[in-house]
PDB file of N, CA and C in Angstrom:
ATOM      1  N   MET A   1       7.170   5.043  20.752  1.00  0.00           N
ATOM      2  CA  MET A   1       7.923   5.442  19.580  1.00  0.00           C
ATOM      3  C   MET A   1       6.968   6.116  18.552  1.00  0.00           C
ATOM      4  N   SER A   2       5.767   5.573  18.380  1.00  0.00           N
ATOM      5  CA  SER A   2       4.874   6.151  17.388  1.00  0.00           C
ATOM      6  C   SER A   2       4.396   7.541  17.802  1.00  0.00           C
ATOM      7  N   ASN A   3       4.218   7.780  19.101  1.00  0.00           N
ATOM      8  CA  ASN A   3       3.788   9.112  19.554  1.00  0.00           C
ATOM      9  C   ASN A   3       4.894  10.120  19.297  1.00  0.00           C
ATOM     10  N   PHE A   4       6.130   9.686  19.394  1.00  0.00           N
ATOM     11  CA  PHE A   4       7.275  10.561  19.166  1.00  0.00           C
ATOM     12  C   PHE A   4       7.315  11.044  17.725  1.00  0.00           C
ATOM     13  N   LEU A   5       6.893  10.210  16.777  1.00  0.00           N
ATOM     14  CA  LEU A   5       6.981  10.545  15.357  1.00  0.00           C
ATOM     15  C   LEU A   5       5.682  11.066  14.772  1.00  0.00           C
ATOM     16  N   SER A   6       4.587  11.004  15.522  1.00  0.00           N
ATOM     17  CA  SER A   6       3.281  11.392  14.965  1.00  0.00           C
ATOM     18  C   SER A   6       3.235  12.844  14.578  1.00  0.00           C
ATOM     19  N   PHE A   7       3.658  13.724  15.446  1.00  0.00           N
ATOM     20  CA  PHE A   7       3.548  15.171  15.177  1.00  0.00           C
ATOM     21  C   PHE A   7       4.418  15.594  13.990  1.00  0.00           C
ATOM     22  N   PRO A   8       5.700  15.236  13.956  1.00  0.00           N
ATOM     23  CA  PRO A   8       6.503  15.606  12.771  1.00  0.00           C
ATOM     24  C   PRO A   8       5.995  15.034  11.473  1.00  0.00           C
ATOM     25  N   LEU A   9       5.555  13.764  11.528  1.00  0.00           N
ATOM     26  CA  LEU A   9       5.019  13.121  10.338  1.00  0.00           C
ATOM     27  C   LEU A   9       3.749  13.849   9.870  1.00  0.00           C
ATOM     28  N   GLY A  10       2.915  14.248  10.804  1.00  0.00           N
ATOM     29  CA  GLY A  10       1.713  14.998  10.439  1.00  0.00           C
ATOM     30  C   GLY A  10       2.049  16.340   9.777  1.00  0.00           C
ATOM     31  N   LEU A  11       3.058  17.023  10.267  1.00  0.00           N
ATOM     32  CA  LEU A  11       3.459  18.285   9.647  1.00  0.00           C
ATOM     33  C   LEU A  11       4.004  18.040   8.235  1.00  0.00           C
ATOM     34  N   ILE A  12       4.779  17.012   8.066  1.00  0.00           N
ATOM     35  CA  ILE A  12       5.333  16.709   6.742  1.00  0.00           C
ATOM     36  C   ILE A  12       4.215  16.363   5.753  1.00  0.00           C
ATOM     37  N   ILE A  13       3.263  15.521   6.184  1.00  0.00           N
ATOM     38  CA  ILE A  13       2.188  15.108   5.299  1.00  0.00           C
ATOM     39  C   ILE A  13       1.314  16.298   4.923  1.00  0.00           C
ATOM     40  N   THR A  14       1.061  17.210   5.854  1.00  0.00           N
ATOM     41  CA  THR A  14       0.257  18.405   5.569  1.00  0.00           C
ATOM     42  C   THR A  14       0.968  19.250   4.522  1.00  0.00           C
ATOM     43  N   GLY A  15       2.249  19.467   4.661  1.00  0.00           N
ATOM     44  CA  GLY A  15       2.983  20.240   3.681  1.00  0.00           C
ATOM     45  C   GLY A  15       3.000  19.597   2.313  1.00  0.00           C
ATOM     46  N   VAL A  16       3.185  18.308   2.284  1.00  0.00           N
ATOM     47  CA  VAL A  16       3.232  17.573   1.006  1.00  0.00           C
ATOM     48  C   VAL A  16       1.835  17.591   0.353  1.00  0.00           C
ATOM     49  N   ALA A  17       0.773  17.529   1.142  1.00  0.00           N
ATOM     50  CA  ALA A  17      -0.584  17.568   0.601  1.00  0.00           C
ATOM     51  C   ALA A  17      -0.869  18.872  -0.123  1.00  0.00           C
ATOM     52  N   TYR A  18      -0.396  19.995   0.461  1.00  0.00           N
ATOM     53  CA  TYR A  18      -0.583  21.282  -0.204  1.00  0.00           C
ATOM     54  C   TYR A  18       0.218  21.370  -1.497  1.00  0.00           C
ATOM     55  N   TYR A  19       1.345  20.705  -1.559  1.00  0.00           N
ATOM     56  CA  TYR A  19       2.153  20.726  -2.756  1.00  0.00           C
ATOM     57  C   TYR A  19       1.565  19.826  -3.847  1.00  0.00           C
ATOM     58  N   ILE A  20       1.061  18.646  -3.469  1.00  0.00           N
ATOM     59  CA  ILE A  20       0.537  17.682  -4.434  1.00  0.00           C
ATOM     60  C   ILE A  20      -0.812  18.135  -4.999  1.00  0.00           C
ATOM     61  N   ILE A  21      -1.692  18.629  -4.121  1.00  0.00           N
ATOM     62  CA  ILE A  21      -3.028  19.043  -4.559  1.00  0.00           C
ATOM     63  C   ILE A  21      -3.147  20.556  -4.317  1.00  0.00           C
ATOM     64  N   PRO A  22      -2.841  21.344  -5.335  1.00  0.00           N
ATOM     65  CA  PRO A  22      -2.798  22.789  -5.129  1.00  0.00           C
ATOM     66  C   PRO A  22      -4.161  23.475  -4.978  1.00  0.00           C
ATOM     67  N   ASN A  23      -5.232  22.903  -5.575  1.00  0.00           N
ATOM     68  CA  ASN A  23      -6.547  23.545  -5.444  1.00  0.00           C
ATOM     69  C   ASN A  23      -7.641  22.496  -5.567  1.00  0.00           C
ATOM     70  N   THR A  24      -8.867  22.905  -5.306  1.00  0.00           N
ATOM     71  CA  THR A  24      -9.966  21.935  -5.300  1.00  0.00           C
ATOM     72  C   THR A  24     -10.327  21.453  -6.699  1.00  0.00           C
ATOM     73  N   ALA A  25     -10.131  22.304  -7.713  1.00  0.00           N
ATOM     74  CA  ALA A  25     -10.432  21.863  -9.091  1.00  0.00           C
ATOM     75  C   ALA A  25      -9.539  20.689  -9.484  1.00  0.00           C
ATOM     76  N   TYR A  26      -8.269  20.774  -9.136  1.00  0.00           N
ATOM     77  CA  TYR A  26      -7.356  19.668  -9.421  1.00  0.00           C
ATOM     78  C   TYR A  26      -7.760  18.412  -8.639  1.00  0.00           C
ATOM     79  N   PHE A  27      -8.129  18.603  -7.380  1.00  0.00           N
ATOM     80  CA  PHE A  27      -8.542  17.456  -6.566  1.00  0.00           C
ATOM     81  C   PHE A  27      -9.780  16.785  -7.148  1.00  0.00           C
ATOM     82  N   ASN A  28     -10.760  17.574  -7.564  1.00  0.00           N
ATOM     83  CA  ASN A  28     -11.975  17.024  -8.165  1.00  0.00           C
ATOM     84  C   ASN A  28     -11.669  16.251  -9.443  1.00  0.00           C
ATOM     85  N   TYR A  29     -10.773  16.781 -10.269  1.00  0.00           N
ATOM     86  CA  TYR A  29     -10.370  16.088 -11.501  1.00  0.00           C
ATOM     87  C   TYR A  29      -9.691  14.750 -11.160  1.00  0.00           C
ATOM     88  N   PHE A  30      -8.771  14.823 -10.204  1.00  0.00           N
ATOM     89  CA  PHE A  30      -8.074  13.611  -9.781  1.00  0.00           C
ATOM     90  C   PHE A  30      -9.043  12.570  -9.242  1.00  0.00           C
ATOM     91  N   GLU A  31      -9.962  13.029  -8.428  1.00  0.00           N
ATOM     92  CA  GLU A  31     -10.933  12.089  -7.814  1.00  0.00           C
ATOM     93  C   GLU A  31     -11.832  11.462  -8.886  1.00  0.00           C
ATOM     94  N   LYS A  32     -12.208  12.227  -9.877  1.00  0.00           N
ATOM     95  CA  LYS A  32     -13.119  11.706 -10.892  1.00  0.00           C
ATOM     96  C   LYS A  32     -12.440  10.732 -11.844  1.00  0.00           C
ATOM     97  N   TYR A  33     -11.212  11.023 -12.270  1.00  0.00           N
ATOM     98  CA  TYR A  33     -10.567  10.223 -13.313  1.00  0.00           C
ATOM     99  C   TYR A  33      -9.520   9.224 -12.816  1.00  0.00           C
ATOM    100  N   TYR A  34      -8.843   9.501 -11.743  1.00  0.00           N
ATOM    101  CA  TYR A  34      -7.755   8.633 -11.314  1.00  0.00           C
ATOM    102  C   TYR A  34      -8.029   7.830 -10.056  1.00  0.00           C
ATOM    103  N   TRP A  35      -8.876   8.323  -9.175  1.00  0.00           N
ATOM    104  CA  TRP A  35      -9.118   7.644  -7.924  1.00  0.00           C
ATOM    105  C   TRP A  35      -9.642   6.207  -8.058  1.00  0.00           C
ATOM    106  N   PRO A  36     -10.537   5.914  -8.988  1.00  0.00           N
ATOM    107  CA  PRO A  36     -10.994   4.530  -9.129  1.00  0.00           C
ATOM    108  C   PRO A  36      -9.842   3.549  -9.417  1.00  0.00           C
ATOM    109  N   PHE A  37      -8.838   3.959 -10.187  1.00  0.00           N
ATOM    110  CA  PHE A  37      -7.722   3.092 -10.470  1.00  0.00           C
ATOM    111  C   PHE A  37      -6.865   2.869  -9.227  1.00  0.00           C
ATOM    112  N   TYR A  38      -6.584   3.941  -8.477  1.00  0.00           N
ATOM    113  CA  TYR A  38      -5.845   3.788  -7.224  1.00  0.00           C
ATOM    114  C   TYR A  38      -6.589   2.904  -6.240  1.00  0.00           C
ATOM    115  N   LEU A  39      -7.884   3.123  -6.153  1.00  0.00           N
ATOM    116  CA  LEU A  39      -8.689   2.338  -5.234  1.00  0.00           C
ATOM    117  C   LEU A  39      -8.677   0.860  -5.627  1.00  0.00           C
ATOM    118  N   PHE A  40      -8.759   0.557  -6.905  1.00  0.00           N
ATOM    119  CA  PHE A  40      -8.698  -0.824  -7.375  1.00  0.00           C
ATOM    120  C   PHE A  40      -7.355  -1.462  -7.027  1.00  0.00           C
ATOM    121  N   VAL A  41      -6.294  -0.728  -7.281  1.00  0.00           N
ATOM    122  CA  VAL A  41      -4.963  -1.290  -6.995  1.00  0.00           C
ATOM    123  C   VAL A  41      -4.783  -1.525  -5.494  1.00  0.00           C
ATOM    124  N   LEU A  42      -5.184  -0.555  -4.684  1.00  0.00           N
ATOM    125  CA  LEU A  42      -4.990  -0.670  -3.229  1.00  0.00           C
ATOM    126  C   LEU A  42      -5.917  -1.674  -2.582  1.00  0.00           C
ATOM    127  N   SER A  43      -7.119  -1.834  -3.106  1.00  0.00           N
ATOM    128  CA  SER A  43      -8.091  -2.693  -2.423  1.00  0.00           C
ATOM    129  C   SER A  43      -8.234  -4.087  -3.016  1.00  0.00           C
ATOM    130  N   VAL A  44      -7.749  -4.270  -4.270  1.00  0.00           N
ATOM    131  CA  VAL A  44      -7.880  -5.584  -4.896  1.00  0.00           C
ATOM    132  C   VAL A  44      -6.507  -6.162  -5.265  1.00  0.00           C
ATOM    133  N   CYS A  45      -5.746  -5.424  -6.009  1.00  0.00           N
ATOM    134  CA  CYS A  45      -4.472  -5.969  -6.544  1.00  0.00           C
ATOM    135  C   CYS A  45      -3.459  -6.236  -5.452  1.00  0.00           C
ATOM    136  N   PHE A  46      -3.245  -5.339  -4.521  1.00  0.00           N
ATOM    137  CA  PHE A  46      -2.260  -5.567  -3.470  1.00  0.00           C
ATOM    138  C   PHE A  46      -2.635  -6.747  -2.590  1.00  0.00           C
ATOM    139  N   PRO A  47      -3.876  -6.829  -2.073  1.00  0.00           N
ATOM    140  CA  PRO A  47      -4.210  -7.987  -1.268  1.00  0.00           C
ATOM    141  C   PRO A  47      -4.077  -9.319  -2.014  1.00  0.00           C
ATOM    142  N   VAL A  48      -4.489  -9.380  -3.275  1.00  0.00           N
ATOM    143  CA  VAL A  48      -4.341 -10.586  -4.044  1.00  0.00           C
ATOM    144  C   VAL A  48      -2.865 -10.932  -4.215  1.00  0.00           C
ATOM    145  N   LEU A  49      -2.033  -9.944  -4.511  1.00  0.00           N
ATOM    146  CA  LEU A  49      -0.610 -10.152  -4.655  1.00  0.00           C
ATOM    147  C   LEU A  49       0.010 -10.690  -3.361  1.00  0.00           C
ATOM    148  N   PHE A  50      -0.356 -10.082  -2.221  1.00  0.00           N
ATOM    149  CA  PHE A  50       0.195 -10.524  -0.942  1.00  0.00           C
ATOM    150  C   PHE A  50      -0.281 -11.918  -0.571  1.00  0.00           C
ATOM    151  N   ILE A  51      -1.509 -12.240  -0.868  1.00  0.00           N
ATOM    152  CA  ILE A  51      -1.998 -13.587  -0.578  1.00  0.00           C
ATOM    153  C   ILE A  51      -1.295 -14.598  -1.481  1.00  0.00           C
ATOM    154  N   ALA A  52      -1.090 -14.259  -2.728  1.00  0.00           N
ATOM    155  CA  ALA A  52      -0.378 -15.181  -3.633  1.00  0.00           C
ATOM    156  C   ALA A  52       1.064 -15.395  -3.195  1.00  0.00           C
ATOM    157  N   LEU A  53       1.741 -14.315  -2.813  1.00  0.00           N
ATOM    158  CA  LEU A  53       3.120 -14.434  -2.311  1.00  0.00           C
ATOM    159  C   LEU A  53       3.190 -15.255  -1.055  1.00  0.00           C
ATOM    160  N   SER A  54       2.247 -15.075  -0.189  1.00  0.00           N
ATOM    161  CA  SER A  54       2.215 -15.847   1.062  1.00  0.00           C
ATOM    162  C   SER A  54       1.999 -17.320   0.766  1.00  0.00           C
ATOM    163  N   TYR A  55       1.124 -17.632  -0.185  1.00  0.00           N
ATOM    164  CA  TYR A  55       0.854 -19.017  -0.537  1.00  0.00           C
ATOM    165  C   TYR A  55       2.110 -19.647  -1.144  1.00  0.00           C
ATOM    166  N   ILE A  56       2.778 -18.919  -2.023  1.00  0.00           N
ATOM    167  CA  ILE A  56       3.999 -19.436  -2.651  1.00  0.00           C
ATOM    168  C   ILE A  56       5.086 -19.669  -1.587  1.00  0.00           C
ATOM    169  N   LYS A  57       5.230 -18.715  -0.686  1.00  0.00           N
ATOM    170  CA  LYS A  57       6.252 -18.842   0.363  1.00  0.00           C
ATOM    171  C   LYS A  57       5.948 -20.047   1.269  1.00  0.00           C
ATOM    172  N   LYS A  58       4.674 -20.234   1.602  1.00  0.00           N
ATOM    173  CA  LYS A  58       4.317 -21.360   2.452  1.00  0.00           C
ATOM    174  C   LYS A  58       4.574 -22.692   1.730  1.00  0.00           C
ATOM    175  N   ASN A  59       4.274 -22.760   0.432  1.00  0.00           N
ATOM    176  CA  ASN A  59       4.543 -23.981  -0.335  1.00  0.00           C
ATOM    177  C   ASN A  59       6.034 -24.260  -0.450  1.00  0.00           C
ATOM    178  N   LYS A  60       6.839 -23.225  -0.657  1.00  0.00           N
ATOM    179  CA  LYS A  60       8.291 -23.420  -0.720  1.00  0.00           C
ATOM    180  C   LYS A  60       8.817 -23.927   0.606  1.00  0.00           C
ATOM    181  N   ALA A  61       8.316 -23.370   1.711  1.00  0.00           N
ATOM    182  CA  ALA A  61       8.786 -23.797   3.027  1.00  0.00           C
ATOM    183  C   ALA A  61       8.372 -25.265   3.272  1.00  0.00           C
ATOM    184  N   ALA A  62       7.187 -25.630   2.856  1.00  0.00           N
ATOM    185  CA  ALA A  62       6.720 -27.019   3.053  1.00  0.00           C
ATOM    186  C   ALA A  62       7.523 -27.967   2.201  1.00  0.00           C
ATOM    187  N   LYS A  63       7.852 -27.584   0.967  1.00  0.00           N
ATOM    188  CA  LYS A  63       8.688 -28.440   0.135  1.00  0.00           C
ATOM    189  C   LYS A  63      10.111 -28.524   0.701  1.00  0.00           C
ATOM    190  N   GLY A  64      10.610 -27.483   1.241  1.00  0.00           N
ATOM    191  CA  GLY A  64      11.945 -27.488   1.841  1.00  0.00           C
ATOM    192  C   GLY A  64      11.995 -28.414   3.045  1.00  0.00           C
ATOM    193  N   ASP A  65      10.936 -28.409   3.851  1.00  0.00           N
ATOM    194  CA  ASP A  65      10.872 -29.280   5.029  1.00  0.00           C
ATOM    195  C   ASP A  65      10.817 -30.738   4.610  1.00  0.00           C
ATOM    196  N   ARG A  66      10.066 -31.036   3.555  1.00  0.00           N
ATOM    197  CA  ARG A  66       9.967 -32.426   3.091  1.00  0.00           C
ATOM    198  C   ARG A  66      11.293 -32.913   2.511  1.00  0.00           C
ATOM    199  N   SER A  67      12.012 -32.065   1.791  1.00  0.00           N
ATOM    200  CA  SER A  67      13.260 -32.490   1.172  1.00  0.00           C
ATOM    201  C   SER A  67      14.340 -32.719   2.232  1.00  0.00           C
ATOM    202  N   GLN A  68      14.296 -32.014   3.323  1.00  0.00           N
ATOM    203  CA  GLN A  68      15.271 -32.168   4.402  1.00  0.00           C
ATOM    204  C   GLN A  68      15.011 -33.442   5.198  1.00  0.00           C
ATOM    205  N   GLN A  69      13.755 -33.881   5.277  1.00  0.00           N
ATOM    206  CA  GLN A  69      13.387 -35.064   6.048  1.00  0.00           C
ATOM    207  C   GLN A  69      13.805 -36.343   5.344  1.00  0.00           C
ATOM    208  N   THR A  70      13.837 -36.378   4.041  1.00  0.00           N
ATOM    209  CA  THR A  70      14.162 -37.620   3.317  1.00  0.00           C
ATOM    210  C   THR A  70      15.637 -37.733   3.042  1.00  0.00           C
TER     211      THR A  70
END
C-alpha cells in the first residue's frame, strides 16, 4: 500500500514545497528565525505531551480495572 502512494505523495509534496518556499532568501530567513521553534515543538513538546497522555491513559485504565474488581 505504501509503495502505491509514494510516487503521488512525492509529487504533491514537491509542488507544495515550491509554493511554500518560493526562493532561497525566504528559506534562509525561515531557517534562521523560525526553525528553532519548530524544532523545539517537534523534538521536545510533542514527545513530552504524548508521554504524559500515555501515562494518564494507563492510570485511568488501571483505576478502571480496580473499580470493576471491587
